[in-house]
Amino acid sequence: MPLALYMDHHVPKAITNGLRARGVDVITAHEDGTDQFEDPELLDRANELHRILFTQDDDLLIEATRRMQEGISFHGVIYGHQLRVSIGGCVRDLEIMAKAGEAEDIINQV
């Protein structure tokens, strides 16, 4: 089953649009009305929706790592550095992960 992605508010719209053009199931925090949420609440919301959270926010990694260490379940996080990954590269890699990945492989993982 393809991975469903949840894009946090740091992700450029071009990435979301590129993924949608390739048939990837994507919801943005802005569309969901959660673009003002703090990192813990954003992870909780992605978990509620059974979606993998994609972020380019370094601080969100701290929250995900804390959850991993404390055994707090979350649906998974994919991180792409804002300056080291191009938009096209991000779209390409996320499409592969979404279409070929299994949710079980990323649950509680970064």
C-alpha atoms as a PDB file:
ATOM      1  CA  MET A   1       0.000   0.000   0.000  1.00  0.00           C
ATOM      2  CA  PRO A   2       1.483   3.390  -0.955  1.00  0.00           C
ATOM      3  CA  LEU A   3       2.562   5.758   1.795  1.00  0.00           C
ATOM      4  CA  ALA A   4       0.359   8.777   2.437  1.00  0.00           C
ATOM      5  CA  LEU A   5       2.337  11.925   3.205  1.00  0.00           C
ATOM      6  CA  TYR A   6       1.634  14.882   5.477  1.00  0.00           C
ATOM      7  CA  MET A   7       3.672  17.970   4.605  1.00  0.00           C
ATOM      8  CA  ASP A   8       4.583  20.381   7.380  1.00  0.00           C
ATOM      9  CA  HIS A   9       4.440  24.138   6.814  1.00  0.00           C
ATOM     10  CA  HIS A  10       8.184  24.379   6.039  1.00  0.00           C
ATOM     11  CA  VAL A  11       7.854  22.383   2.813  1.00  0.00           C
ATOM     12  CA  PRO A  12       7.789  24.412  -0.427  1.00  0.00           C
ATOM     13  CA  LYS A  13       4.562  24.182  -2.398  1.00  0.00           C
ATOM     14  CA  ALA A  14       6.557  23.073  -5.468  1.00  0.00           C
ATOM     15  CA  ILE A  15       7.376  19.784  -3.718  1.00  0.00           C
ATOM     16  CA  THR A  16       3.734  19.134  -2.882  1.00  0.00           C
ATOM     17  CA  ASN A  17       2.618  20.039  -6.413  1.00  0.00           C
ATOM     18  CA  GLY A  18       5.308  17.835  -7.945  1.00  0.00           C
ATOM     19  CA  LEU A  19       4.238  14.870  -5.853  1.00  0.00           C
ATOM     20  CA  ARG A  20       0.574  15.351  -6.665  1.00  0.00           C
ATOM     21  CA  ALA A  21       1.410  15.522 -10.387  1.00  0.00           C
ATOM     22  CA  ARG A  22       2.979  12.080  -9.935  1.00  0.00           C
ATOM     23  CA  GLY A  23      -0.042  10.608  -8.161  1.00  0.00           C
ATOM     24  CA  VAL A  24       1.295  10.674  -4.586  1.00  0.00           C
ATOM     25  CA  ASP A  25      -1.284  11.059  -1.790  1.00  0.00           C
ATOM     26  CA  VAL A  26      -0.331  14.316  -0.031  1.00  0.00           C
ATOM     27  CA  ILE A  27      -2.027  16.619   2.490  1.00  0.00           C
ATOM     28  CA  THR A  28      -0.388  19.815   3.718  1.00  0.00           C
ATOM     29  CA  ALA A  29      -0.554  21.249   7.209  1.00  0.00           C
ATOM     30  CA  HIS A  30      -1.961  24.416   5.656  1.00  0.00           C
ATOM     31  CA  GLU A  31      -4.817  22.524   3.973  1.00  0.00           C
ATOM     32  CA  ASP A  32      -5.508  20.695   7.239  1.00  0.00           C
ATOM     33  CA  GLY A  33      -5.551  23.933   9.249  1.00  0.00           C
ATOM     34  CA  THR A  34      -2.566  22.904  11.368  1.00  0.00           C
ATOM     35  CA  ASP A  35       0.094  25.211   9.939  1.00  0.00           C
ATOM     36  CA  GLN A  36       0.331  27.052  13.276  1.00  0.00           C
ATOM     37  CA  PHE A  37       0.750  23.856  15.327  1.00  0.00           C
ATOM     38  CA  GLU A  38       3.897  23.246  17.353  1.00  0.00           C
ATOM     39  CA  ASP A  39       6.004  20.204  16.451  1.00  0.00           C
ATOM     40  CA  PRO A  40       4.483  17.755  18.991  1.00  0.00           C
ATOM     41  CA  GLU A  41       0.956  18.617  17.849  1.00  0.00           C
ATOM     42  CA  LEU A  42       1.934  18.315  14.199  1.00  0.00           C
ATOM     43  CA  LEU A  43       3.359  14.839  14.781  1.00  0.00           C
ATOM     44  CA  ASP A  44       0.197  13.893  16.687  1.00  0.00           C
ATOM     45  CA  ARG A  45      -1.986  15.097  13.812  1.00  0.00           C
ATOM     46  CA  ALA A  46      -0.008  13.148  11.205  1.00  0.00           C
ATOM     47  CA  ASN A  47      -0.353  10.108  13.456  1.00  0.00           C
ATOM     48  CA  GLU A  48      -4.134  10.594  13.732  1.00  0.00           C
ATOM     49  CA  LEU A  49      -4.340  10.677   9.933  1.00  0.00           C
ATOM     50  CA  HIS A  50      -2.039   7.623   9.550  1.00  0.00           C
ATOM     51  CA  ARG A  51       0.334   9.657   7.396  1.00  0.00           C
ATOM     52  CA  ILE A  52       4.097   9.938   7.278  1.00  0.00           C
ATOM     53  CA  LEU A  53       5.208  13.469   8.153  1.00  0.00           C
ATOM     54  CA  PHE A  54       7.631  15.061   5.692  1.00  0.00           C
ATOM     55  CA  THR A  55       9.567  17.983   7.088  1.00  0.00           C
ATOM     56  CA  GLN A  56      12.510  20.210   6.347  1.00  0.00           C
ATOM     57  CA  ASP A  57      12.524  21.537   9.919  1.00  0.00           C
ATOM     58  CA  ASP A  58      15.536  20.500  12.002  1.00  0.00           C
ATOM     59  CA  ASP A  59      13.646  21.147  15.245  1.00  0.00           C
ATOM     60  CA  LEU A  60      11.022  18.555  14.382  1.00  0.00           C
ATOM     61  CA  LEU A  61      13.781  15.940  14.356  1.00  0.00           C
ATOM     62  CA  ILE A  62      14.389  16.679  18.030  1.00  0.00           C
ATOM     63  CA  GLU A  63      10.749  15.892  18.850  1.00  0.00           C
ATOM     64  CA  ALA A  64      10.762  12.718  16.748  1.00  0.00           C
ATOM     65  CA  THR A  65      13.994  11.542  18.398  1.00  0.00           C
ATOM     66  CA  ARG A  66      12.537  12.225  21.840  1.00  0.00           C
ATOM     67  CA  ARG A  67       9.520  10.100  20.978  1.00  0.00           C
ATOM     68  CA  MET A  68      11.704   7.286  19.729  1.00  0.00           C
ATOM     69  CA  GLN A  69      13.753   7.348  22.953  1.00  0.00           C
ATOM     70  CA  GLU A  70      10.672   7.468  25.174  1.00  0.00           C
ATOM     71  CA  GLY A  71       8.759   4.815  23.234  1.00  0.00           C
ATOM     72  CA  ILE A  72       5.991   7.205  22.162  1.00  0.00           C
ATOM     73  CA  SER A  73       4.477   5.899  18.946  1.00  0.00           C
ATOM     74  CA  PHE A  74       4.270   8.032  15.816  1.00  0.00           C
ATOM     75  CA  HIS A  75       3.605   7.206  12.201  1.00  0.00           C
ATOM     76  CA  GLY A  76       7.082   8.155  10.967  1.00  0.00           C
ATOM     77  CA  VAL A  77       9.049  11.164   9.770  1.00  0.00           C
ATOM     78  CA  ILE A  78      10.920  11.747   6.532  1.00  0.00           C
ATOM     79  CA  TYR A  79      13.401  14.620   6.643  1.00  0.00           C
ATOM     80  CA  GLY A  80      14.987  16.518   3.776  1.00  0.00           C
ATOM     81  CA  HIS A  81      17.519  19.267   4.456  1.00  0.00           C
ATOM     82  CA  GLN A  82      16.387  22.614   2.999  1.00  0.00           C
ATOM     83  CA  LEU A  83      19.738  23.476   1.449  1.00  0.00           C
ATOM     84  CA  ARG A  84      21.183  20.073   0.568  1.00  0.00           C
ATOM     85  CA  VAL A  85      18.276  18.587  -1.373  1.00  0.00           C
ATOM     86  CA  SER A  86      16.859  20.194  -4.505  1.00  0.00           C
ATOM     87  CA  ILE A  87      13.127  20.433  -5.044  1.00  0.00           C
ATOM     88  CA  GLY A  88      13.350  18.028  -7.978  1.00  0.00           C
ATOM     89  CA  GLY A  89      15.480  15.583  -6.003  1.00  0.00           C
ATOM     90  CA  CYS A  90      13.064  15.780  -3.110  1.00  0.00           C
ATOM     91  CA  VAL A  91      10.079  15.078  -5.359  1.00  0.00           C
ATOM     92  CA  ARG A  92      11.859  12.153  -7.016  1.00  0.00           C
ATOM     93  CA  ASP A  93      12.951  10.558  -3.728  1.00  0.00           C
ATOM     94  CA  LEU A  94       9.624  11.080  -1.980  1.00  0.00           C
ATOM     95  CA  GLU A  95       7.754   9.599  -4.951  1.00  0.00           C
ATOM     96  CA  ILE A  96       9.902   6.472  -4.780  1.00  0.00           C
ATOM     97  CA  MET A  97       9.404   6.162  -1.028  1.00  0.00           C
ATOM     98  CA  ALA A  98       5.663   6.776  -1.248  1.00  0.00           C
ATOM     99  CA  LYS A  99       5.078   4.289  -4.060  1.00  0.00           C
ATOM    100  CA  ALA A 100       7.518   1.562  -3.048  1.00  0.00           C
ATOM    101  CA  GLY A 101       7.615   1.943   0.739  1.00  0.00           C
ATOM    102  CA  GLU A 102       5.584   0.136   3.353  1.00  0.00           C
ATOM    103  CA  ALA A 103       4.105   2.012   6.312  1.00  0.00           C
ATOM    104  CA  GLU A 104       5.343  -0.702   8.689  1.00  0.00           C
ATOM    105  CA  ASP A 105       8.915   0.101   7.688  1.00  0.00           C
ATOM    106  CA  ILE A 106       8.769   3.712   8.846  1.00  0.00           C
ATOM    107  CA  ILE A 107       6.466   3.662  11.874  1.00  0.00           C
ATOM    108  CA  ASN A 108       8.393   5.119  14.846  1.00  0.00           C
ATOM    109  CA  GLN A 109      11.360   5.906  12.566  1.00  0.00           C
ATOM    110  CA  VAL A 110      13.047   9.003  11.172  1.00  0.00           C
END
